[in-house]
Each structure stands twice: as C-alpha cells, then as structure tokens.
Amino acid sequence: MESDIAQKAVDAFMEQVPEDGEASIIFFGGEPLMAYEQIVETSEYTKSNYSGKKKFKFHIVTNATLLNKEKIDFLAENDFSVAVSIDGDWEVQNSQRPLANVVRTLTMKY
C-alpha cells in the first residue's frame, strides 16, 4: 500500500472512532513485515497526527520469519501487540524462523 493511501485510511478510520473509544490499527495479510518500512511510516504518521487526540493501539499478525532485533525493538518501543500465525506443522513452521529455538522453549514451558 502506498503511503498516501495508508495515511488516508488511517484518517478515515480515526474519524469513525468515538471520543471515548480506542482504535485498533492492525497490520496483517500475507507477511506484513515484508513492508516493514511502511509499518514504521504509518505508525509514525498515526502517532504524530493522533497522539493526545485519540486513543489507539497497534497490532501485527506475523509468521515471525522476518523478525530481527531492529524489528523487535521497534514493535516493543511502539507497544505493538504481536500475534504469531502458525503456517504448518512444527517442521514447516520453523524451517525459516530465526527464533525457532526461543519459540520452542517458550511453548515447552506452557
């Protein structure tokens, strides 16, 4: 999605959010981290235009294969909620996942 279209979408959506409501801005579909720069740009646009005016929360649904320290730091710094999609059995899901060992350790604990 082009930046101007993303910004218009955010503006149109925020107009619909009630004064006492909270907007959920969700990045999903395909693998959103393939458009990481667009996520950064749209998040920055939203913060610069709506912080203090409307409540909003960022969310992302990712298969986590493109996560790295830079992206994890960005998501954490911007208080994103992160949902990890499962795209196959254990072997298929984790064959390209850089954090597979961490995910396996966490899931074995729970």
PDB file of N, CA and C in Angstrom:
ATOM      1  N   MET A   1       0.843  -1.175   0.000  1.00  0.00           N
ATOM      2  CA  MET A   1       0.000   0.000   0.000  1.00  0.00           C
ATOM      3  C   MET A   1       0.887   1.237   0.000  1.00  0.00           C
ATOM      4  N   GLU A   2       0.562   2.163  -0.837  1.00  0.00           N
ATOM      5  CA  GLU A   2       1.314   3.418  -0.900  1.00  0.00           C
ATOM      6  C   GLU A   2       1.072   4.250   0.360  1.00  0.00           C
ATOM      7  N   SER A   3       2.040   5.068   0.717  1.00  0.00           N
ATOM      8  CA  SER A   3       1.967   5.865   1.942  1.00  0.00           C
ATOM      9  C   SER A   3       0.745   6.771   1.997  1.00  0.00           C
ATOM     10  N   ASP A   4       0.452   7.443   0.899  1.00  0.00           N
ATOM     11  CA  ASP A   4      -0.691   8.365   0.911  1.00  0.00           C
ATOM     12  C   ASP A   4      -2.006   7.618   1.117  1.00  0.00           C
ATOM     13  N   ILE A   5      -2.108   6.420   0.582  1.00  0.00           N
ATOM     14  CA  ILE A   5      -3.322   5.619   0.769  1.00  0.00           C
ATOM     15  C   ILE A   5      -3.415   5.147   2.222  1.00  0.00           C
ATOM     16  N   ALA A   6      -2.302   4.715   2.787  1.00  0.00           N
ATOM     17  CA  ALA A   6      -2.290   4.288   4.192  1.00  0.00           C
ATOM     18  C   ALA A   6      -2.685   5.447   5.095  1.00  0.00           C
ATOM     19  N   GLN A   7      -2.166   6.621   4.830  1.00  0.00           N
ATOM     20  CA  GLN A   7      -2.492   7.790   5.647  1.00  0.00           C
ATOM     21  C   GLN A   7      -3.965   8.158   5.524  1.00  0.00           C
ATOM     22  N   LYS A   8      -4.515   8.093   4.304  1.00  0.00           N
ATOM     23  CA  LYS A   8      -5.943   8.368   4.112  1.00  0.00           C
ATOM     24  C   LYS A   8      -6.788   7.330   4.835  1.00  0.00           C
ATOM     25  N   ALA A   9      -6.346   6.086   4.814  1.00  0.00           N
ATOM     26  CA  ALA A   9      -7.079   5.028   5.517  1.00  0.00           C
ATOM     27  C   ALA A   9      -7.073   5.281   7.026  1.00  0.00           C
ATOM     28  N   VAL A  10      -5.928   5.662   7.566  1.00  0.00           N
ATOM     29  CA  VAL A  10      -5.834   5.971   8.999  1.00  0.00           C
ATOM     30  C   VAL A  10      -6.752   7.147   9.322  1.00  0.00           C
ATOM     31  N   ASP A  11      -6.700   8.195   8.510  1.00  0.00           N
ATOM     32  CA  ASP A  11      -7.534   9.377   8.759  1.00  0.00           C
ATOM     33  C   ASP A  11      -9.018   9.024   8.724  1.00  0.00           C
ATOM     34  N   ALA A  12      -9.437   8.270   7.709  1.00  0.00           N
ATOM     35  CA  ALA A  12     -10.849   7.894   7.585  1.00  0.00           C
ATOM     36  C   ALA A  12     -11.285   7.036   8.773  1.00  0.00           C
ATOM     37  N   PHE A  13     -10.418   6.124   9.172  1.00  0.00           N
ATOM     38  CA  PHE A  13     -10.741   5.257  10.309  1.00  0.00           C
ATOM     39  C   PHE A  13     -10.832   6.062  11.598  1.00  0.00           C
ATOM     40  N   MET A  14      -9.872   6.932  11.831  1.00  0.00           N
ATOM     41  CA  MET A  14      -9.846   7.706  13.066  1.00  0.00           C
ATOM     42  C   MET A  14     -11.062   8.636  13.170  1.00  0.00           C
ATOM     43  N   GLU A  15     -11.583   9.099  12.054  1.00  0.00           N
ATOM     44  CA  GLU A  15     -12.796   9.922  12.074  1.00  0.00           C
ATOM     45  C   GLU A  15     -13.985   9.144  12.637  1.00  0.00           C
ATOM     46  N   GLN A  16     -13.955   7.821  12.477  1.00  0.00           N
ATOM     47  CA  GLN A  16     -15.065   6.980  12.926  1.00  0.00           C
ATOM     48  C   GLN A  16     -14.938   6.551  14.392  1.00  0.00           C
ATOM     49  N   VAL A  17     -13.776   6.756  14.985  1.00  0.00           N
ATOM     50  CA  VAL A  17     -13.554   6.323  16.366  1.00  0.00           C
ATOM     51  C   VAL A  17     -14.229   7.316  17.313  1.00  0.00           C
ATOM     52  N   PRO A  18     -15.123   6.816  18.186  1.00  0.00           N
ATOM     53  CA  PRO A  18     -15.776   7.715  19.143  1.00  0.00           C
ATOM     54  C   PRO A  18     -14.753   8.377  20.078  1.00  0.00           C
ATOM     55  N   GLU A  19     -15.129   9.515  20.624  1.00  0.00           N
ATOM     56  CA  GLU A  19     -14.236  10.249  21.523  1.00  0.00           C
ATOM     57  C   GLU A  19     -13.732   9.384  22.681  1.00  0.00           C
ATOM     58  N   ASP A  20     -14.586   8.508  23.199  1.00  0.00           N
ATOM     59  CA  ASP A  20     -14.188   7.662  24.326  1.00  0.00           C
ATOM     60  C   ASP A  20     -13.723   6.277  23.878  1.00  0.00           C
ATOM     61  N   GLY A  21     -13.547   6.095  22.572  1.00  0.00           N
ATOM     62  CA  GLY A  21     -13.139   4.794  22.030  1.00  0.00           C
ATOM     63  C   GLY A  21     -11.642   4.682  21.847  1.00  0.00           C
ATOM     64  N   GLU A  22     -11.224   3.496  21.426  1.00  0.00           N
ATOM     65  CA  GLU A  22      -9.815   3.248  21.122  1.00  0.00           C
ATOM     66  C   GLU A  22      -9.732   2.543  19.778  1.00  0.00           C
ATOM     67  N   ALA A  23      -8.926   3.085  18.896  1.00  0.00           N
ATOM     68  CA  ALA A  23      -8.736   2.499  17.573  1.00  0.00           C
ATOM     69  C   ALA A  23      -7.708   1.379  17.646  1.00  0.00           C
ATOM     70  N   SER A  24      -8.006   0.276  16.997  1.00  0.00           N
ATOM     71  CA  SER A  24      -7.040  -0.817  16.847  1.00  0.00           C
ATOM     72  C   SER A  24      -6.549  -0.794  15.411  1.00  0.00           C
ATOM     73  N   ILE A  25      -5.284  -0.477  15.241  1.00  0.00           N
ATOM     74  CA  ILE A  25      -4.679  -0.434  13.909  1.00  0.00           C
ATOM     75  C   ILE A  25      -3.875  -1.713  13.753  1.00  0.00           C
ATOM     76  N   ILE A  26      -4.342  -2.578  12.848  1.00  0.00           N
ATOM     77  CA  ILE A  26      -3.786  -3.924  12.719  1.00  0.00           C
ATOM     78  C   ILE A  26      -3.092  -4.075  11.371  1.00  0.00           C
ATOM     79  N   PHE A  27      -1.850  -4.526  11.417  1.00  0.00           N
ATOM     80  CA  PHE A  27      -1.083  -4.823  10.209  1.00  0.00           C
ATOM     81  C   PHE A  27      -1.110  -6.337  10.027  1.00  0.00           C
ATOM     82  N   PHE A  28      -1.698  -6.806   8.918  1.00  0.00           N
ATOM     83  CA  PHE A  28      -1.813  -8.242   8.682  1.00  0.00           C
ATOM     84  C   PHE A  28      -1.956  -8.498   7.186  1.00  0.00           C
ATOM     85  N   GLY A  29      -2.025  -9.746   6.821  1.00  0.00           N
ATOM     86  CA  GLY A  29      -2.245 -10.129   5.429  1.00  0.00           C
ATOM     87  C   GLY A  29      -0.941 -10.438   4.733  1.00  0.00           C
ATOM     88  N   GLY A  30      -0.838 -11.623   4.189  1.00  0.00           N
ATOM     89  CA  GLY A  30       0.455 -12.034   3.657  1.00  0.00           C
ATOM     90  C   GLY A  30       1.426 -12.016   4.812  1.00  0.00           C
ATOM     91  N   GLU A  31       2.562 -11.450   4.630  1.00  0.00           N
ATOM     92  CA  GLU A  31       3.510 -11.240   5.737  1.00  0.00           C
ATOM     93  C   GLU A  31       3.763  -9.746   5.832  1.00  0.00           C
ATOM     94  N   PRO A  32       3.138  -9.053   6.796  1.00  0.00           N
ATOM     95  CA  PRO A  32       3.257  -7.597   6.868  1.00  0.00           C
ATOM     96  C   PRO A  32       4.682  -7.096   7.053  1.00  0.00           C
ATOM     97  N   LEU A  33       5.545  -7.894   7.667  1.00  0.00           N
ATOM     98  CA  LEU A  33       6.922  -7.424   7.871  1.00  0.00           C
ATOM     99  C   LEU A  33       7.701  -7.315   6.565  1.00  0.00           C
ATOM    100  N   MET A  34       7.143  -7.825   5.460  1.00  0.00           N
ATOM    101  CA  MET A  34       7.768  -7.595   4.154  1.00  0.00           C
ATOM    102  C   MET A  34       7.663  -6.112   3.787  1.00  0.00           C
ATOM    103  N   ALA A  35       6.714  -5.414   4.395  1.00  0.00           N
ATOM    104  CA  ALA A  35       6.533  -3.978   4.176  1.00  0.00           C
ATOM    105  C   ALA A  35       6.871  -3.229   5.471  1.00  0.00           C
ATOM    106  N   TYR A  36       7.958  -3.626   6.100  1.00  0.00           N
ATOM    107  CA  TYR A  36       8.346  -3.067   7.396  1.00  0.00           C
ATOM    108  C   TYR A  36       8.436  -1.536   7.367  1.00  0.00           C
ATOM    109  N   GLU A  37       9.052  -0.979   6.337  1.00  0.00           N
ATOM    110  CA  GLU A  37       9.201   0.481   6.265  1.00  0.00           C
ATOM    111  C   GLU A  37       7.835   1.160   6.224  1.00  0.00           C
ATOM    112  N   GLN A  38       6.862   0.525   5.567  1.00  0.00           N
ATOM    113  CA  GLN A  38       5.506   1.084   5.519  1.00  0.00           C
ATOM    114  C   GLN A  38       4.861   1.038   6.904  1.00  0.00           C
ATOM    115  N   ILE A  39       5.114  -0.029   7.641  1.00  0.00           N
ATOM    116  CA  ILE A  39       4.592  -0.129   9.010  1.00  0.00           C
ATOM    117  C   ILE A  39       5.172   0.998   9.865  1.00  0.00           C
ATOM    118  N   VAL A  40       6.469   1.204   9.755  1.00  0.00           N
ATOM    119  CA  VAL A  40       7.130   2.286  10.516  1.00  0.00           C
ATOM    120  C   VAL A  40       6.526   3.630  10.125  1.00  0.00           C
ATOM    121  N   GLU A  41       6.428   3.867   8.837  1.00  0.00           N
ATOM    122  CA  GLU A  41       5.922   5.152   8.349  1.00  0.00           C
ATOM    123  C   GLU A  41       4.470   5.396   8.791  1.00  0.00           C
ATOM    124  N   THR A  42       3.632   4.383   8.678  1.00  0.00           N
ATOM    125  CA  THR A  42       2.226   4.523   9.057  1.00  0.00           C
ATOM    126  C   THR A  42       2.085   4.708  10.565  1.00  0.00           C
ATOM    127  N   SER A  43       2.890   4.000  11.320  1.00  0.00           N
ATOM    128  CA  SER A  43       2.865   4.152  12.786  1.00  0.00           C
ATOM    129  C   SER A  43       3.292   5.557  13.183  1.00  0.00           C
ATOM    130  N   GLU A  44       4.354   6.048  12.581  1.00  0.00           N
ATOM    131  CA  GLU A  44       4.835   7.395  12.878  1.00  0.00           C
ATOM    132  C   GLU A  44       3.796   8.443  12.491  1.00  0.00           C
ATOM    133  N   TYR A  45       3.156   8.257  11.336  1.00  0.00           N
ATOM    134  CA  TYR A  45       2.107   9.171  10.896  1.00  0.00           C
ATOM    135  C   TYR A  45       0.974   9.198  11.921  1.00  0.00           C
ATOM    136  N   THR A  46       0.544   8.027  12.349  1.00  0.00           N
ATOM    137  CA  THR A  46      -0.556   7.923  13.304  1.00  0.00           C
ATOM    138  C   THR A  46      -0.189   8.609  14.609  1.00  0.00           C
ATOM    139  N   LYS A  47       1.008   8.328  15.116  1.00  0.00           N
ATOM    140  CA  LYS A  47       1.429   8.945  16.378  1.00  0.00           C
ATOM    141  C   LYS A  47       1.516  10.461  16.244  1.00  0.00           C
ATOM    142  N   SER A  48       2.107  10.945  15.167  1.00  0.00           N
ATOM    143  CA  SER A  48       2.306  12.389  15.027  1.00  0.00           C
ATOM    144  C   SER A  48       0.987  13.134  14.814  1.00  0.00           C
ATOM    145  N   ASN A  49      -0.017  12.474  14.239  1.00  0.00           N
ATOM    146  CA  ASN A  49      -1.280  13.150  13.956  1.00  0.00           C
ATOM    147  C   ASN A  49      -2.382  12.899  14.980  1.00  0.00           C
ATOM    148  N   TYR A  50      -2.250  11.842  15.787  1.00  0.00           N
ATOM    149  CA  TYR A  50      -3.363  11.484  16.666  1.00  0.00           C
ATOM    150  C   TYR A  50      -3.001  11.322  18.144  1.00  0.00           C
ATOM    151  N   SER A  51      -1.729  11.316  18.491  1.00  0.00           N
ATOM    152  CA  SER A  51      -1.359  11.232  19.911  1.00  0.00           C
ATOM    153  C   SER A  51      -1.944  12.432  20.645  1.00  0.00           C
ATOM    154  N   GLY A  52      -2.594  12.157  21.767  1.00  0.00           N
ATOM    155  CA  GLY A  52      -3.217  13.211  22.543  1.00  0.00           C
ATOM    156  C   GLY A  52      -4.595  13.611  22.048  1.00  0.00           C
ATOM    157  N   LYS A  53      -4.983  13.117  20.869  1.00  0.00           N
ATOM    158  CA  LYS A  53      -6.294  13.451  20.305  1.00  0.00           C
ATOM    159  C   LYS A  53      -7.235  12.254  20.339  1.00  0.00           C
ATOM    160  N   LYS A  54      -6.687  11.086  20.032  1.00  0.00           N
ATOM    161  CA  LYS A  54      -7.473   9.848  20.006  1.00  0.00           C
ATOM    162  C   LYS A  54      -6.641   8.745  20.643  1.00  0.00           C
ATOM    163  N   LYS A  55      -7.335   7.776  21.232  1.00  0.00           N
ATOM    164  CA  LYS A  55      -6.626   6.601  21.745  1.00  0.00           C
ATOM    165  C   LYS A  55      -6.493   5.594  20.616  1.00  0.00           C
ATOM    166  N   PHE A  56      -5.317   4.980  20.537  1.00  0.00           N
ATOM    167  CA  PHE A  56      -5.106   3.951  19.520  1.00  0.00           C
ATOM    168  C   PHE A  56      -4.076   2.953  20.016  1.00  0.00           C
ATOM    169  N   LYS A  57      -4.127   1.787  19.427  1.00  0.00           N
ATOM    170  CA  LYS A  57      -3.202   0.699  19.763  1.00  0.00           C
ATOM    171  C   LYS A  57      -2.814   0.028  18.461  1.00  0.00           C
ATOM    172  N   PHE A  58      -1.525  -0.321  18.354  1.00  0.00           N
ATOM    173  CA  PHE A  58      -1.035  -1.021  17.172  1.00  0.00           C
ATOM    174  C   PHE A  58      -0.987  -2.524  17.433  1.00  0.00           C
ATOM    175  N   HIS A  59      -1.291  -3.285  16.400  1.00  0.00           N
ATOM    176  CA  HIS A  59      -1.246  -4.745  16.437  1.00  0.00           C
ATOM    177  C   HIS A  59      -0.609  -5.236  15.142  1.00  0.00           C
ATOM    178  N   ILE A  60       0.000  -6.407  15.204  1.00  0.00           N
ATOM    179  CA  ILE A  60       0.538  -7.040  13.998  1.00  0.00           C
ATOM    180  C   ILE A  60       0.341  -8.549  14.104  1.00  0.00           C
ATOM    181  N   VAL A  61       0.001  -9.146  12.970  1.00  0.00           N
ATOM    182  CA  VAL A  61      -0.100 -10.601  12.868  1.00  0.00           C
ATOM    183  C   VAL A  61       0.996 -11.023  11.885  1.00  0.00           C
ATOM    184  N   THR A  62       1.937 -11.822  12.357  1.00  0.00           N
ATOM    185  CA  THR A  62       3.107 -12.191  11.570  1.00  0.00           C
ATOM    186  C   THR A  62       3.439 -13.662  11.763  1.00  0.00           C
ATOM    187  N   ASN A  63       4.097 -14.249  10.787  1.00  0.00           N
ATOM    188  CA  ASN A  63       4.579 -15.618  10.993  1.00  0.00           C
ATOM    189  C   ASN A  63       5.968 -15.607  11.639  1.00  0.00           C
ATOM    190  N   ALA A  64       6.493 -14.438  11.908  1.00  0.00           N
ATOM    191  CA  ALA A  64       7.739 -14.208  12.655  1.00  0.00           C
ATOM    192  C   ALA A  64       9.014 -14.594  11.911  1.00  0.00           C
ATOM    193  N   THR A  65       8.923 -14.965  10.661  1.00  0.00           N
ATOM    194  CA  THR A  65      10.134 -15.375   9.946  1.00  0.00           C
ATOM    195  C   THR A  65      11.061 -14.207   9.643  1.00  0.00           C
ATOM    196  N   LEU A  66      10.536 -12.998   9.612  1.00  0.00           N
ATOM    197  CA  LEU A  66      11.364 -11.830   9.292  1.00  0.00           C
ATOM    198  C   LEU A  66      11.739 -11.002  10.512  1.00  0.00           C
ATOM    199  N   LEU A  67      11.409 -11.488  11.692  1.00  0.00           N
ATOM    200  CA  LEU A  67      11.779 -10.751  12.895  1.00  0.00           C
ATOM    201  C   LEU A  67      13.290 -10.743  13.095  1.00  0.00           C
ATOM    202  N   ASN A  68      13.783  -9.601  13.483  1.00  0.00           N
ATOM    203  CA  ASN A  68      15.179  -9.454  13.885  1.00  0.00           C
ATOM    204  C   ASN A  68      15.195  -8.425  15.015  1.00  0.00           C
ATOM    205  N   LYS A  69      16.356  -8.140  15.540  1.00  0.00           N
ATOM    206  CA  LYS A  69      16.445  -7.233  16.695  1.00  0.00           C
ATOM    207  C   LYS A  69      15.851  -5.864  16.390  1.00  0.00           C
ATOM    208  N   GLU A  70      16.147  -5.307  15.236  1.00  0.00           N
ATOM    209  CA  GLU A  70      15.618  -3.991  14.866  1.00  0.00           C
ATOM    210  C   GLU A  70      14.089  -3.986  14.898  1.00  0.00           C
ATOM    211  N   LYS A  71      13.486  -4.986  14.290  1.00  0.00           N
ATOM    212  CA  LYS A  71      12.023  -5.034  14.215  1.00  0.00           C
ATOM    213  C   LYS A  71      11.410  -5.311  15.584  1.00  0.00           C
ATOM    214  N   ILE A  72      12.012  -6.205  16.335  1.00  0.00           N
ATOM    215  CA  ILE A  72      11.514  -6.500  17.684  1.00  0.00           C
ATOM    216  C   ILE A  72      11.588  -5.239  18.539  1.00  0.00           C
ATOM    217  N   ASP A  73      12.688  -4.519  18.467  1.00  0.00           N
ATOM    218  CA  ASP A  73      12.830  -3.279  19.234  1.00  0.00           C
ATOM    219  C   ASP A  73      11.773  -2.256  18.832  1.00  0.00           C
ATOM    220  N   PHE A  74      11.547  -2.111  17.535  1.00  0.00           N
ATOM    221  CA  PHE A  74      10.533  -1.169  17.061  1.00  0.00           C
ATOM    222  C   PHE A  74       9.151  -1.544  17.587  1.00  0.00           C
ATOM    223  N   LEU A  75       8.793  -2.818  17.465  1.00  0.00           N
ATOM    224  CA  LEU A  75       7.477  -3.267  17.925  1.00  0.00           C
ATOM    225  C   LEU A  75       7.316  -3.035  19.429  1.00  0.00           C
ATOM    226  N   ALA A  76       8.373  -3.328  20.185  1.00  0.00           N
ATOM    227  CA  ALA A  76       8.318  -3.122  21.635  1.00  0.00           C
ATOM    228  C   ALA A  76       8.237  -1.637  21.982  1.00  0.00           C
ATOM    229  N   GLU A  77       9.050  -0.824  21.353  1.00  0.00           N
ATOM    230  CA  GLU A  77       9.075   0.614  21.637  1.00  0.00           C
ATOM    231  C   GLU A  77       7.741   1.286  21.309  1.00  0.00           C
ATOM    232  N   ASN A  78       7.009   0.718  20.356  1.00  0.00           N
ATOM    233  CA  ASN A  78       5.735   1.295  19.945  1.00  0.00           C
ATOM    234  C   ASN A  78       4.541   0.530  20.498  1.00  0.00           C
ATOM    235  N   ASP A  79       4.816  -0.323  21.487  1.00  0.00           N
ATOM    236  CA  ASP A  79       3.773  -1.033  22.231  1.00  0.00           C
ATOM    237  C   ASP A  79       2.817  -1.827  21.332  1.00  0.00           C
ATOM    238  N   PHE A  80       3.360  -2.452  20.298  1.00  0.00           N
ATOM    239  CA  PHE A  80       2.558  -3.321  19.431  1.00  0.00           C
ATOM    240  C   PHE A  80       2.172  -4.577  20.191  1.00  0.00           C
ATOM    241  N   SER A  81       0.955  -5.038  20.003  1.00  0.00           N
ATOM    242  CA  SER A  81       0.638  -6.405  20.410  1.00  0.00           C
ATOM    243  C   SER A  81       0.990  -7.258  19.196  1.00  0.00           C
ATOM    244  N   VAL A  82       1.600  -8.411  19.442  1.00  0.00           N
ATOM    245  CA  VAL A  82       2.098  -9.255  18.358  1.00  0.00           C
ATOM    246  C   VAL A  82       1.432 -10.618  18.440  1.00  0.00           C
ATOM    247  N   ALA A  83       0.804 -11.017  17.347  1.00  0.00           N
ATOM    248  CA  ALA A  83       0.236 -12.363  17.234  1.00  0.00           C
ATOM    249  C   ALA A  83       1.061 -13.110  16.199  1.00  0.00           C
ATOM    250  N   VAL A  84       1.464 -14.319  16.536  1.00  0.00           N
ATOM    251  CA  VAL A  84       2.264 -15.134  15.614  1.00  0.00           C
ATOM    252  C   VAL A  84       1.345 -16.189  15.003  1.00  0.00           C
ATOM    253  N   SER A  85       1.263 -16.168  13.682  1.00  0.00           N
ATOM    254  CA  SER A  85       0.439 -17.150  12.979  1.00  0.00           C
ATOM    255  C   SER A  85       1.237 -18.430  12.784  1.00  0.00           C
ATOM    256  N   ILE A  86       0.529 -19.533  12.729  1.00  0.00           N
ATOM    257  CA  ILE A  86       1.166 -20.840  12.520  1.00  0.00           C
ATOM    258  C   ILE A  86       0.802 -21.288  11.123  1.00  0.00           C
ATOM    259  N   ASP A  87       1.804 -21.518  10.314  1.00  0.00           N
ATOM    260  CA  ASP A  87       1.583 -21.773   8.898  1.00  0.00           C
ATOM    261  C   ASP A  87       1.820 -23.217   8.479  1.00  0.00           C
ATOM    262  N   GLY A  88       1.851 -24.123   9.410  1.00  0.00           N
ATOM    263  CA  GLY A  88       2.070 -25.527   9.062  1.00  0.00           C
ATOM    264  C   GLY A  88       2.478 -26.305  10.295  1.00  0.00           C
ATOM    265  N   ASP A  89       2.901 -27.552  10.091  1.00  0.00           N
ATOM    266  CA  ASP A  89       3.351 -28.344  11.232  1.00  0.00           C
ATOM    267  C   ASP A  89       4.679 -27.795  11.755  1.00  0.00           C
ATOM    268  N   TRP A  90       5.178 -28.388  12.839  1.00  0.00           N
ATOM    269  CA  TRP A  90       6.375 -27.869  13.510  1.00  0.00           C
ATOM    270  C   TRP A  90       7.540 -27.668  12.543  1.00  0.00           C
ATOM    271  N   GLU A  91       7.825 -28.646  11.729  1.00  0.00           N
ATOM    272  CA  GLU A  91       8.973 -28.564  10.819  1.00  0.00           C
ATOM    273  C   GLU A  91       8.780 -27.473   9.774  1.00  0.00           C
ATOM    274  N   VAL A  92       7.616 -27.423   9.141  1.00  0.00           N
ATOM    275  CA  VAL A  92       7.348 -26.409   8.118  1.00  0.00           C
ATOM    276  C   VAL A  92       7.357 -25.012   8.737  1.00  0.00           C
ATOM    277  N   GLN A  93       6.673 -24.861   9.852  1.00  0.00           N
ATOM    278  CA  GLN A  93       6.550 -23.555  10.501  1.00  0.00           C
ATOM    279  C   GLN A  93       7.910 -22.983  10.882  1.00  0.00           C
ATOM    280  N   ASN A  94       8.809 -23.810  11.357  1.00  0.00           N
ATOM    281  CA  ASN A  94      10.054 -23.308  11.918  1.00  0.00           C
ATOM    282  C   ASN A  94      11.272 -23.458  11.009  1.00  0.00           C
ATOM    283  N   SER A  95      11.093 -23.956   9.800  1.00  0.00           N
ATOM    284  CA  SER A  95      12.251 -24.149   8.926  1.00  0.00           C
ATOM    285  C   SER A  95      12.944 -22.840   8.569  1.00  0.00           C
ATOM    286  N   GLN A  96      12.206 -21.742   8.511  1.00  0.00           N
ATOM    287  CA  GLN A  96      12.788 -20.440   8.168  1.00  0.00           C
ATOM    288  C   GLN A  96      12.727 -19.442   9.319  1.00  0.00           C
ATOM    289  N   ARG A  97      12.202 -19.846  10.467  1.00  0.00           N
ATOM    290  CA  ARG A  97      12.013 -18.920  11.587  1.00  0.00           C
ATOM    291  C   ARG A  97      13.329 -18.719  12.338  1.00  0.00           C
ATOM    292  N   PRO A  98      13.836 -17.482  12.404  1.00  0.00           N
ATOM    293  CA  PRO A  98      15.114 -17.238  13.082  1.00  0.00           C
ATOM    294  C   PRO A  98      15.058 -17.466  14.593  1.00  0.00           C
ATOM    295  N   LEU A  99      13.875 -17.386  15.188  1.00  0.00           N
ATOM    296  CA  LEU A  99      13.753 -17.537  16.638  1.00  0.00           C
ATOM    297  C   LEU A  99      13.094 -18.868  17.017  1.00  0.00           C
ATOM    298  N   ALA A 100      13.227 -19.866  16.184  1.00  0.00           N
ATOM    299  CA  ALA A 100      12.551 -21.145  16.418  1.00  0.00           C
ATOM    300  C   ALA A 100      12.908 -21.746  17.772  1.00  0.00           C
ATOM    301  N   ASN A 101      14.157 -21.674  18.164  1.00  0.00           N
ATOM    302  CA  ASN A 101      14.549 -22.255  19.446  1.00  0.00           C
ATOM    303  C   ASN A 101      13.905 -21.538  20.620  1.00  0.00           C
ATOM    304  N   VAL A 102      13.761 -20.236  20.516  1.00  0.00           N
ATOM    305  CA  VAL A 102      13.123 -19.468  21.576  1.00  0.00           C
ATOM    306  C   VAL A 102      11.654 -19.852  21.657  1.00  0.00           C
ATOM    307  N   VAL A 103      10.986 -19.916  20.504  1.00  0.00           N
ATOM    308  CA  VAL A 103       9.564 -20.280  20.478  1.00  0.00           C
ATOM    309  C   VAL A 103       9.373 -21.675  21.037  1.00  0.00           C
ATOM    310  N   ARG A 104      10.234 -22.617  20.661  1.00  0.00           N
ATOM    311  CA  ARG A 104      10.113 -23.977  21.160  1.00  0.00           C
ATOM    312  C   ARG A 104      10.290 -24.015  22.677  1.00  0.00           C
ATOM    313  N   THR A 105      11.252 -23.283  23.191  1.00  0.00           N
ATOM    314  CA  THR A 105      11.493 -23.233  24.635  1.00  0.00           C
ATOM    315  C   THR A 105      10.274 -22.672  25.348  1.00  0.00           C
ATOM    316  N   LEU A 106       9.703 -21.606  24.819  1.00  0.00           N
ATOM    317  CA  LEU A 106       8.532 -20.999  25.455  1.00  0.00           C
ATOM    318  C   LEU A 106       7.338 -21.935  25.421  1.00  0.00           C
ATOM    319  N   THR A 107       7.098 -22.586  24.279  1.00  0.00           N
ATOM    320  CA  THR A 107       5.932 -23.453  24.184  1.00  0.00           C
ATOM    321  C   THR A 107       6.098 -24.708  25.030  1.00  0.00           C
ATOM    322  N   MET A 108       7.319 -25.161  25.242  1.00  0.00           N
ATOM    323  CA  MET A 108       7.529 -26.339  26.077  1.00  0.00           C
ATOM    324  C   MET A 108       7.255 -26.002  27.541  1.00  0.00           C
ATOM    325  N   LYS A 109       7.419 -24.761  27.947  1.00  0.00           N
ATOM    326  CA  LYS A 109       7.171 -24.359  29.331  1.00  0.00           C
ATOM    327  C   LYS A 109       5.683 -24.306  29.642  1.00  0.00           C
ATOM    328  N   TYR A 110       4.873 -24.074  28.617  1.00  0.00           N
ATOM    329  CA  TYR A 110       3.443 -23.864  28.851  1.00  0.00           C
ATOM    330  C   TYR A 110       2.676 -24.986  28.305  1.00  0.00           C
TER     331      TYR A 110
END
